[in-house]
């Protein structure tokens, strides 16, 4: 029942929009085409602005990746340097738990390729 109501509502909205566009085209064709041109121009400007800011060059992507890696390594080094010798023993169990949790994550970009390494080739002697 819900699906039928939404189809009827959507169809009626499209039908009313078609009637409005037809009457606007008949009564004032120049104004209609001017409105359409303005809509396309504004849409094109918005699209170019979005494309300019959203897509970046490969050099910018590499720079972002480098900065991200630098932050991670800096954090890692700071956590190693901050822990004094007396606190290492007490925080060691918590760090082991954290490392264990990190090890459970699998890298999606690495795959294992099964091969026939154990089987020897059967070569015929001539």
N, C-alpha and C. Protein backbone atom coordinates (compact mmCIF):
# COMPACT_ATOMS: atom_id res chain seq x y z
N UNK A 1 0.82 -1.19 0.00
CA UNK A 1 0.00 0.00 0.00
C UNK A 1 0.86 1.26 0.00
N UNK A 2 1.95 1.23 0.79
CA UNK A 2 2.84 2.39 0.83
C UNK A 2 3.46 2.64 -0.54
N UNK A 3 3.88 1.58 -1.18
CA UNK A 3 4.54 1.69 -2.47
C UNK A 3 3.58 2.29 -3.51
N UNK A 4 2.34 1.88 -3.48
CA UNK A 4 1.35 2.39 -4.44
C UNK A 4 1.14 3.89 -4.21
N UNK A 5 1.06 4.32 -2.93
CA UNK A 5 0.86 5.73 -2.62
C UNK A 5 2.03 6.57 -3.11
N UNK A 6 3.25 6.07 -2.90
CA UNK A 6 4.41 6.85 -3.33
C UNK A 6 4.48 6.94 -4.86
N UNK A 7 4.10 5.90 -5.56
CA UNK A 7 4.08 5.95 -7.02
C UNK A 7 3.06 6.96 -7.52
N UNK A 8 1.88 6.96 -6.91
CA UNK A 8 0.83 7.92 -7.30
C UNK A 8 1.28 9.34 -7.01
N UNK A 9 1.89 9.56 -5.84
CA UNK A 9 2.37 10.90 -5.47
C UNK A 9 3.46 11.37 -6.42
N UNK A 10 4.43 10.52 -6.69
CA UNK A 10 5.53 10.86 -7.60
C UNK A 10 5.00 11.14 -9.01
N UNK A 11 4.09 10.32 -9.48
CA UNK A 11 3.52 10.52 -10.82
C UNK A 11 2.73 11.82 -10.92
N UNK A 12 1.97 12.15 -9.88
CA UNK A 12 1.20 13.39 -9.91
C UNK A 12 2.11 14.62 -9.88
N UNK A 13 3.20 14.54 -9.14
CA UNK A 13 4.15 15.67 -9.10
C UNK A 13 4.78 15.87 -10.48
N UNK A 14 5.17 14.79 -11.12
CA UNK A 14 5.75 14.89 -12.46
C UNK A 14 4.73 15.42 -13.45
N UNK A 15 3.49 14.97 -13.34
CA UNK A 15 2.44 15.44 -14.24
C UNK A 15 2.20 16.94 -14.07
N UNK A 16 2.14 17.41 -12.83
CA UNK A 16 1.93 18.84 -12.58
C UNK A 16 3.13 19.66 -13.06
N UNK A 17 4.33 19.13 -12.90
CA UNK A 17 5.52 19.83 -13.39
C UNK A 17 5.49 19.93 -14.90
N UNK A 18 5.07 18.88 -15.57
CA UNK A 18 4.96 18.91 -17.02
C UNK A 18 3.93 19.93 -17.48
N UNK A 19 2.80 20.01 -16.81
CA UNK A 19 1.77 21.01 -17.16
C UNK A 19 2.32 22.42 -16.95
N UNK A 20 3.03 22.64 -15.84
CA UNK A 20 3.60 23.97 -15.56
C UNK A 20 4.63 24.37 -16.60
N UNK A 21 5.50 23.43 -16.99
CA UNK A 21 6.50 23.74 -18.01
C UNK A 21 5.85 24.03 -19.36
N UNK A 22 4.81 23.29 -19.69
CA UNK A 22 4.13 23.50 -20.97
C UNK A 22 3.45 24.86 -21.01
N UNK A 23 2.75 25.22 -19.96
CA UNK A 23 2.09 26.53 -19.94
C UNK A 23 3.11 27.66 -19.95
N UNK A 24 4.23 27.49 -19.23
CA UNK A 24 5.28 28.52 -19.22
C UNK A 24 5.89 28.66 -20.61
N UNK A 25 6.08 27.55 -21.29
CA UNK A 25 6.64 27.59 -22.64
C UNK A 25 5.69 28.25 -23.62
N UNK A 26 4.39 28.01 -23.47
CA UNK A 26 3.40 28.59 -24.39
C UNK A 26 3.23 30.08 -24.13
N UNK A 27 3.14 30.50 -22.87
CA UNK A 27 2.87 31.90 -22.54
C UNK A 27 4.09 32.80 -22.75
N UNK A 28 5.28 32.34 -22.35
CA UNK A 28 6.47 33.19 -22.42
C UNK A 28 7.67 32.33 -22.81
N UNK A 29 7.85 32.04 -24.11
CA UNK A 29 8.94 31.16 -24.52
C UNK A 29 10.33 31.75 -24.23
N UNK A 30 10.49 33.06 -24.41
CA UNK A 30 11.80 33.68 -24.18
C UNK A 30 12.17 33.59 -22.70
N UNK A 31 11.25 33.88 -21.83
CA UNK A 31 11.49 33.79 -20.40
C UNK A 31 11.78 32.36 -19.96
N UNK A 32 11.08 31.41 -20.58
CA UNK A 32 11.29 29.99 -20.26
C UNK A 32 12.71 29.57 -20.60
N UNK A 33 13.15 29.91 -21.82
CA UNK A 33 14.50 29.54 -22.23
C UNK A 33 15.57 30.29 -21.42
N UNK A 34 15.28 31.53 -21.03
CA UNK A 34 16.20 32.28 -20.19
C UNK A 34 16.35 31.62 -18.82
N UNK A 35 15.21 31.18 -18.24
CA UNK A 35 15.26 30.48 -16.95
C UNK A 35 16.06 29.18 -17.05
N UNK A 36 15.85 28.44 -18.13
CA UNK A 36 16.58 27.19 -18.33
C UNK A 36 18.08 27.47 -18.47
N UNK A 37 18.44 28.52 -19.22
CA UNK A 37 19.86 28.87 -19.40
C UNK A 37 20.50 29.27 -18.08
N UNK A 38 19.77 30.03 -17.26
CA UNK A 38 20.29 30.45 -15.96
C UNK A 38 20.50 29.23 -15.05
N UNK A 39 19.55 28.31 -15.08
CA UNK A 39 19.68 27.10 -14.26
C UNK A 39 20.91 26.30 -14.68
N UNK A 40 21.11 26.13 -15.97
CA UNK A 40 22.27 25.40 -16.46
C UNK A 40 23.57 26.13 -16.12
N UNK A 41 23.59 27.45 -16.24
CA UNK A 41 24.80 28.22 -15.94
C UNK A 41 25.17 28.11 -14.46
N UNK A 42 24.19 28.24 -13.59
CA UNK A 42 24.44 28.12 -12.15
C UNK A 42 24.91 26.70 -11.81
N UNK A 43 24.28 25.71 -12.42
CA UNK A 43 24.69 24.33 -12.19
C UNK A 43 26.10 24.08 -12.66
N UNK A 44 26.48 24.63 -13.82
CA UNK A 44 27.83 24.45 -14.34
C UNK A 44 28.86 25.13 -13.44
N UNK A 45 28.54 26.31 -12.93
CA UNK A 45 29.46 27.02 -12.03
C UNK A 45 29.67 26.22 -10.75
N UNK A 46 28.57 25.72 -10.18
CA UNK A 46 28.67 24.92 -8.96
C UNK A 46 29.48 23.66 -9.22
N UNK A 47 29.27 23.01 -10.37
CA UNK A 47 29.99 21.79 -10.70
C UNK A 47 31.49 22.05 -10.86
N UNK A 48 31.85 23.15 -11.54
CA UNK A 48 33.27 23.47 -11.71
C UNK A 48 33.94 23.81 -10.38
N UNK A 49 33.23 24.53 -9.52
CA UNK A 49 33.79 24.85 -8.20
C UNK A 49 33.98 23.57 -7.39
N UNK A 50 33.00 22.70 -7.39
CA UNK A 50 33.10 21.43 -6.67
C UNK A 50 34.24 20.58 -7.22
N UNK A 51 34.34 20.51 -8.52
CA UNK A 51 35.38 19.70 -9.15
C UNK A 51 36.77 20.26 -8.84
N UNK A 52 36.88 21.58 -8.82
CA UNK A 52 38.17 22.22 -8.54
C UNK A 52 38.65 21.89 -7.13
N UNK A 53 37.74 21.94 -6.15
CA UNK A 53 38.14 21.72 -4.77
C UNK A 53 38.16 20.25 -4.38
N UNK A 54 37.36 19.42 -5.01
CA UNK A 54 37.30 18.02 -4.59
C UNK A 54 38.39 17.18 -5.23
N UNK A 55 38.63 17.33 -6.51
CA UNK A 55 39.66 16.51 -7.15
C UNK A 55 40.99 17.23 -7.03
N UNK A 56 41.95 16.50 -6.56
CA UNK A 56 43.27 17.10 -6.40
C UNK A 56 44.26 16.35 -7.28
N UNK A 57 45.36 16.97 -7.51
CA UNK A 57 46.38 16.36 -8.33
C UNK A 57 47.05 15.21 -7.57
N UNK A 58 47.70 14.31 -8.28
CA UNK A 58 48.39 13.21 -7.58
C UNK A 58 49.45 13.69 -6.61
N UNK A 59 50.07 14.82 -6.91
CA UNK A 59 51.09 15.34 -5.99
C UNK A 59 50.46 15.73 -4.66
N UNK A 60 49.27 16.31 -4.69
CA UNK A 60 48.60 16.68 -3.45
C UNK A 60 48.21 15.44 -2.67
N UNK A 61 47.76 14.39 -3.38
CA UNK A 61 47.39 13.15 -2.70
C UNK A 61 48.62 12.52 -2.04
N UNK A 62 49.75 12.53 -2.74
CA UNK A 62 50.98 11.99 -2.17
C UNK A 62 51.42 12.80 -0.97
N UNK A 63 51.25 14.11 -1.04
CA UNK A 63 51.63 14.97 0.07
C UNK A 63 50.75 14.68 1.29
N UNK A 64 49.45 14.47 1.06
CA UNK A 64 48.55 14.16 2.16
C UNK A 64 48.92 12.82 2.78
N UNK A 65 49.24 11.85 1.94
CA UNK A 65 49.62 10.53 2.45
C UNK A 65 50.91 10.63 3.25
N UNK A 66 51.84 11.42 2.78
CA UNK A 66 53.11 11.60 3.50
C UNK A 66 52.88 12.25 4.86
N UNK A 67 52.05 13.29 4.89
CA UNK A 67 51.77 13.97 6.15
C UNK A 67 51.07 13.03 7.14
N UNK A 68 50.17 12.20 6.64
CA UNK A 68 49.47 11.25 7.49
C UNK A 68 50.45 10.24 8.08
N UNK A 69 51.35 9.72 7.25
CA UNK A 69 52.34 8.76 7.72
C UNK A 69 53.29 9.41 8.72
N UNK A 70 53.66 10.65 8.48
CA UNK A 70 54.56 11.36 9.39
C UNK A 70 53.90 11.55 10.76
N UNK A 71 52.61 11.87 10.78
CA UNK A 71 51.90 12.02 12.05
C UNK A 71 51.86 10.70 12.81
N UNK A 72 51.61 9.60 12.08
CA UNK A 72 51.55 8.30 12.74
C UNK A 72 52.90 7.93 13.34
N UNK A 73 53.97 8.13 12.59
CA UNK A 73 55.28 7.77 13.10
C UNK A 73 55.67 8.68 14.27
N UNK A 74 55.28 9.93 14.21
CA UNK A 74 55.58 10.85 15.31
C UNK A 74 54.86 10.42 16.58
N UNK A 75 53.59 9.99 16.44
CA UNK A 75 52.85 9.50 17.60
C UNK A 75 53.50 8.26 18.18
N UNK A 76 53.91 7.36 17.31
CA UNK A 76 54.54 6.12 17.74
C UNK A 76 55.84 6.40 18.50
N UNK A 77 56.64 7.31 17.98
CA UNK A 77 57.90 7.66 18.65
C UNK A 77 57.66 8.37 19.97
N UNK A 78 56.63 9.20 20.04
CA UNK A 78 56.33 9.91 21.28
C UNK A 78 55.89 8.94 22.37
N UNK A 79 55.09 7.95 21.99
CA UNK A 79 54.65 6.99 23.01
C UNK A 79 55.81 6.14 23.50
N UNK A 80 56.78 5.84 22.66
CA UNK A 80 57.96 5.08 23.08
C UNK A 80 58.84 5.92 24.01
N UNK A 81 59.03 7.20 23.66
CA UNK A 81 59.92 8.05 24.43
C UNK A 81 59.32 8.47 25.76
N UNK A 82 58.03 8.61 25.86
CA UNK A 82 57.40 9.11 27.07
C UNK A 82 57.40 8.07 28.18
N UNK A 83 57.34 6.79 27.87
CA UNK A 83 57.24 5.77 28.92
C UNK A 83 58.60 5.55 29.58
N UNK A 84 58.73 5.92 30.86
CA UNK A 84 59.99 5.70 31.57
C UNK A 84 60.17 4.21 31.87
N UNK A 85 61.39 3.85 32.37
CA UNK A 85 61.74 2.45 32.57
C UNK A 85 60.85 1.80 33.63
N UNK A 86 60.44 2.53 34.66
CA UNK A 86 59.61 1.97 35.73
C UNK A 86 58.19 1.70 35.26
N UNK A 87 57.69 2.50 34.39
CA UNK A 87 56.31 2.33 33.93
C UNK A 87 56.21 1.36 32.78
N UNK A 88 57.29 0.98 32.17
CA UNK A 88 57.23 0.09 31.03
C UNK A 88 56.64 -1.25 31.42
N UNK A 89 57.00 -1.74 32.60
CA UNK A 89 56.53 -3.06 33.00
C UNK A 89 55.02 -3.04 33.20
N UNK A 90 54.48 -1.99 33.83
CA UNK A 90 53.05 -1.94 34.09
C UNK A 90 52.24 -1.68 32.82
N UNK A 91 52.78 -0.91 31.89
CA UNK A 91 52.05 -0.63 30.67
C UNK A 91 52.31 -1.66 29.59
N UNK A 92 53.22 -2.60 29.89
CA UNK A 92 53.57 -3.60 28.89
C UNK A 92 52.39 -4.50 28.58
N UNK A 93 51.62 -4.86 29.59
CA UNK A 93 50.48 -5.75 29.35
C UNK A 93 49.41 -5.04 28.52
N UNK A 94 49.20 -3.75 28.78
CA UNK A 94 48.22 -3.02 27.99
C UNK A 94 48.71 -2.82 26.55
N UNK A 95 50.03 -2.62 26.40
CA UNK A 95 50.55 -2.46 25.04
C UNK A 95 50.49 -3.77 24.29
N UNK A 96 50.69 -4.90 25.00
CA UNK A 96 50.57 -6.21 24.34
C UNK A 96 49.15 -6.44 23.86
N UNK A 97 48.18 -6.03 24.68
CA UNK A 97 46.78 -6.17 24.26
C UNK A 97 46.50 -5.31 23.03
N UNK A 98 47.04 -4.10 23.02
CA UNK A 98 46.84 -3.22 21.87
C UNK A 98 47.50 -3.80 20.63
N UNK A 99 48.73 -4.34 20.78
CA UNK A 99 49.41 -4.94 19.64
C UNK A 99 48.69 -6.18 19.16
N UNK A 100 48.17 -6.96 20.10
CA UNK A 100 47.42 -8.16 19.72
C UNK A 100 46.20 -7.78 18.91
N UNK A 101 45.53 -6.72 19.34
CA UNK A 101 44.35 -6.24 18.61
C UNK A 101 44.74 -5.76 17.21
N UNK A 102 45.89 -5.11 17.10
CA UNK A 102 46.34 -4.61 15.80
C UNK A 102 46.69 -5.76 14.88
N UNK A 103 47.24 -6.84 15.43
CA UNK A 103 47.67 -7.95 14.60
C UNK A 103 46.48 -8.70 14.01
N UNK A 104 45.34 -8.64 14.67
CA UNK A 104 44.17 -9.36 14.16
C UNK A 104 43.63 -8.75 12.88
N UNK A 105 43.92 -7.51 12.66
CA UNK A 105 43.44 -6.86 11.44
C UNK A 105 44.21 -7.40 10.25
N UNK A 106 43.48 -7.73 9.21
CA UNK A 106 44.15 -8.23 8.01
C UNK A 106 44.24 -7.12 6.98
N UNK A 107 45.30 -7.16 6.23
CA UNK A 107 45.44 -6.16 5.17
C UNK A 107 44.70 -6.64 3.95
N UNK A 108 43.85 -5.79 3.43
CA UNK A 108 42.99 -6.20 2.32
C UNK A 108 43.75 -6.23 1.00
N UNK A 109 44.84 -5.50 0.90
CA UNK A 109 45.54 -5.43 -0.37
C UNK A 109 46.52 -6.58 -0.58
N UNK A 110 46.71 -7.42 0.43
CA UNK A 110 47.62 -8.56 0.29
C UNK A 110 46.81 -9.84 0.18
N UNK A 111 47.12 -10.64 -0.81
CA UNK A 111 46.41 -11.90 -0.97
C UNK A 111 47.42 -13.04 -1.07
N UNK A 112 46.98 -14.21 -0.67
CA UNK A 112 47.83 -15.40 -0.74
C UNK A 112 47.48 -16.13 -2.02
N UNK A 113 48.51 -16.44 -2.78
CA UNK A 113 48.30 -17.17 -4.03
C UNK A 113 48.72 -18.61 -3.79
N UNK A 114 47.75 -19.50 -3.92
CA UNK A 114 48.03 -20.92 -3.72
C UNK A 114 48.72 -21.46 -4.96
N UNK A 115 49.78 -22.17 -4.76
CA UNK A 115 50.51 -22.73 -5.89
C UNK A 115 50.81 -24.20 -5.67
N UNK A 116 51.42 -24.81 -6.63
CA UNK A 116 51.78 -26.23 -6.53
C UNK A 116 53.27 -26.34 -6.26
N UNK A 117 53.71 -25.79 -5.15
CA UNK A 117 55.14 -25.75 -4.86
C UNK A 117 55.65 -27.11 -4.38
N UNK A 118 54.81 -27.87 -3.71
CA UNK A 118 55.27 -29.13 -3.15
C UNK A 118 55.35 -30.22 -4.22
N UNK A 119 54.59 -30.11 -5.28
CA UNK A 119 54.61 -31.14 -6.33
C UNK A 119 55.77 -30.89 -7.29
N UNK A 120 56.46 -31.98 -7.60
CA UNK A 120 57.57 -31.85 -8.55
C UNK A 120 57.04 -32.12 -9.95
N UNK A 121 57.69 -31.50 -10.91
CA UNK A 121 57.26 -31.67 -12.29
C UNK A 121 57.65 -33.07 -12.77
N UNK A 122 56.77 -33.67 -13.52
CA UNK A 122 57.02 -34.99 -14.07
C UNK A 122 57.62 -34.82 -15.45
N UNK A 123 58.93 -34.94 -15.51
CA UNK A 123 59.61 -34.71 -16.79
C UNK A 123 59.96 -36.05 -17.43
N UNK A 124 59.69 -36.11 -18.68
CA UNK A 124 60.02 -37.33 -19.41
C UNK A 124 61.48 -37.26 -19.87
N UNK A 125 62.21 -38.35 -19.71
CA UNK A 125 63.60 -38.35 -20.15
C UNK A 125 63.66 -38.77 -21.61
N UNK A 126 64.50 -38.15 -22.37
CA UNK A 126 64.58 -38.45 -23.80
C UNK A 126 65.60 -39.45 -24.05
